[in-house]
């Protein structure tokens, strides 16, 4: 994940390929209203559901999926 704006329920995700939906790309997402974004931060690896439908595309069921990526020395 690139950045988190918990107050405004927004994040920028460096996402992997979602077969049949979209290729890998970095893009902004809104989060569901009930998501607690204070527990994640830039650099964390997350897992989430991409919700598409009647309203705007957003992320729900956001959770940590592993250790933050660290830069190689």
C-alpha atoms as a PDB file:
ATOM      1  CA  UNK A   1       0.000   0.000   0.000  1.00  0.00           C
ATOM      2  CA  UNK A   2       1.264   3.460  -0.889  1.00  0.00           C
ATOM      3  CA  UNK A   3      -0.723   5.738   1.449  1.00  0.00           C
ATOM      4  CA  UNK A   4      -3.640   5.862   3.893  1.00  0.00           C
ATOM      5  CA  UNK A   5      -5.959   8.770   4.721  1.00  0.00           C
ATOM      6  CA  UNK A   6      -8.019   7.212   7.523  1.00  0.00           C
ATOM      7  CA  UNK A   7      -9.962  10.397   8.274  1.00  0.00           C
ATOM      8  CA  UNK A   8     -11.334  10.594   4.712  1.00  0.00           C
ATOM      9  CA  UNK A   9     -11.569   6.795   4.144  1.00  0.00           C
ATOM     10  CA  UNK A  10      -9.140   6.853   1.211  1.00  0.00           C
ATOM     11  CA  UNK A  11      -6.061   4.864   0.320  1.00  0.00           C
ATOM     12  CA  UNK A  12      -3.702   4.401  -2.583  1.00  0.00           C
ATOM     13  CA  UNK A  13      -3.003   0.762  -3.318  1.00  0.00           C
ATOM     14  CA  UNK A  14      -0.251  -0.796  -5.417  1.00  0.00           C
ATOM     15  CA  UNK A  15      -2.529  -3.645  -6.454  1.00  0.00           C
ATOM     16  CA  UNK A  16      -1.875  -6.985  -8.059  1.00  0.00           C
ATOM     17  CA  UNK A  17      -3.695  -8.356 -11.090  1.00  0.00           C
ATOM     18  CA  UNK A  18      -7.362  -9.209 -10.514  1.00  0.00           C
ATOM     19  CA  UNK A  19      -8.053 -11.814 -13.242  1.00  0.00           C
ATOM     20  CA  UNK A  20     -11.066 -10.957 -15.368  1.00  0.00           C
ATOM     21  CA  UNK A  21     -11.367  -7.486 -13.845  1.00  0.00           C
ATOM     22  CA  UNK A  22      -8.178  -5.405 -14.191  1.00  0.00           C
ATOM     23  CA  UNK A  23      -4.433  -5.674 -14.470  1.00  0.00           C
ATOM     24  CA  UNK A  24      -1.946  -4.771 -11.770  1.00  0.00           C
ATOM     25  CA  UNK A  25      -1.775  -1.028 -11.123  1.00  0.00           C
ATOM     26  CA  UNK A  26      -1.432   1.641  -8.465  1.00  0.00           C
ATOM     27  CA  UNK A  27      -4.699   3.491  -7.918  1.00  0.00           C
ATOM     28  CA  UNK A  28      -6.768   5.311  -5.311  1.00  0.00           C
ATOM     29  CA  UNK A  29      -9.709   3.648  -3.594  1.00  0.00           C
ATOM     30  CA  UNK A  30     -12.330   4.737  -1.115  1.00  0.00           C
ATOM     31  CA  UNK A  31     -12.945   2.338   1.740  1.00  0.00           C
ATOM     32  CA  UNK A  32     -16.252   1.147   3.101  1.00  0.00           C
ATOM     33  CA  UNK A  33     -17.662   3.374   5.839  1.00  0.00           C
ATOM     34  CA  UNK A  34     -17.186   0.699   8.499  1.00  0.00           C
ATOM     35  CA  UNK A  35     -13.512   0.058   7.719  1.00  0.00           C
ATOM     36  CA  UNK A  36     -10.971   0.993  10.409  1.00  0.00           C
ATOM     37  CA  UNK A  37      -8.013   2.369   8.469  1.00  0.00           C
ATOM     38  CA  UNK A  38      -6.155   3.459  11.615  1.00  0.00           C
ATOM     39  CA  UNK A  39      -4.694  -0.058  11.912  1.00  0.00           C
ATOM     40  CA  UNK A  40      -2.869   0.059   8.567  1.00  0.00           C
ATOM     41  CA  UNK A  41      -0.229   2.363   7.145  1.00  0.00           C
ATOM     42  CA  UNK A  42       1.843   3.004   4.033  1.00  0.00           C
ATOM     43  CA  UNK A  43       4.064   0.024   3.255  1.00  0.00           C
ATOM     44  CA  UNK A  44       1.695  -2.564   4.745  1.00  0.00           C
ATOM     45  CA  UNK A  45       0.549  -5.472   2.652  1.00  0.00           C
ATOM     46  CA  UNK A  46      -3.238  -5.746   2.742  1.00  0.00           C
ATOM     47  CA  UNK A  47      -5.966  -8.017   1.497  1.00  0.00           C
ATOM     48  CA  UNK A  48      -9.374  -6.568   0.638  1.00  0.00           C
ATOM     49  CA  UNK A  49     -12.522  -7.106  -1.391  1.00  0.00           C
ATOM     50  CA  UNK A  50     -13.024  -4.755  -4.346  1.00  0.00           C
ATOM     51  CA  UNK A  51     -16.732  -3.893  -4.372  1.00  0.00           C
ATOM     52  CA  UNK A  52     -18.302  -2.861  -7.684  1.00  0.00           C
ATOM     53  CA  UNK A  53     -21.956  -2.283  -8.364  1.00  0.00           C
ATOM     54  CA  UNK A  54     -24.534   0.452  -7.972  1.00  0.00           C
ATOM     55  CA  UNK A  55     -22.250   2.889  -6.147  1.00  0.00           C
ATOM     56  CA  UNK A  56     -18.610   3.838  -6.596  1.00  0.00           C
ATOM     57  CA  UNK A  57     -15.988   1.090  -6.555  1.00  0.00           C
ATOM     58  CA  UNK A  58     -14.493   0.757  -3.066  1.00  0.00           C
ATOM     59  CA  UNK A  59     -12.650  -1.628  -0.744  1.00  0.00           C
ATOM     60  CA  UNK A  60     -14.182  -3.618   2.108  1.00  0.00           C
ATOM     61  CA  UNK A  61     -12.955  -6.350   4.471  1.00  0.00           C
ATOM     62  CA  UNK A  62      -9.532  -4.685   4.587  1.00  0.00           C
ATOM     63  CA  UNK A  63      -6.986  -6.554   6.696  1.00  0.00           C
ATOM     64  CA  UNK A  64      -3.242  -6.932   7.020  1.00  0.00           C
ATOM     65  CA  UNK A  65      -1.916  -9.699   4.789  1.00  0.00           C
ATOM     66  CA  UNK A  66       1.732  -9.806   5.801  1.00  0.00           C
ATOM     67  CA  UNK A  67       4.720  -7.897   7.020  1.00  0.00           C
ATOM     68  CA  UNK A  68       5.385  -4.444   5.537  1.00  0.00           C
ATOM     69  CA  UNK A  69       7.734  -4.430   2.568  1.00  0.00           C
ATOM     70  CA  UNK A  70      11.148  -3.102   3.451  1.00  0.00           C
ATOM     71  CA  UNK A  71      13.740  -1.577   1.157  1.00  0.00           C
ATOM     72  CA  UNK A  72      16.835  -3.627   0.364  1.00  0.00           C
ATOM     73  CA  UNK A  73      20.189  -2.222   1.421  1.00  0.00           C
END
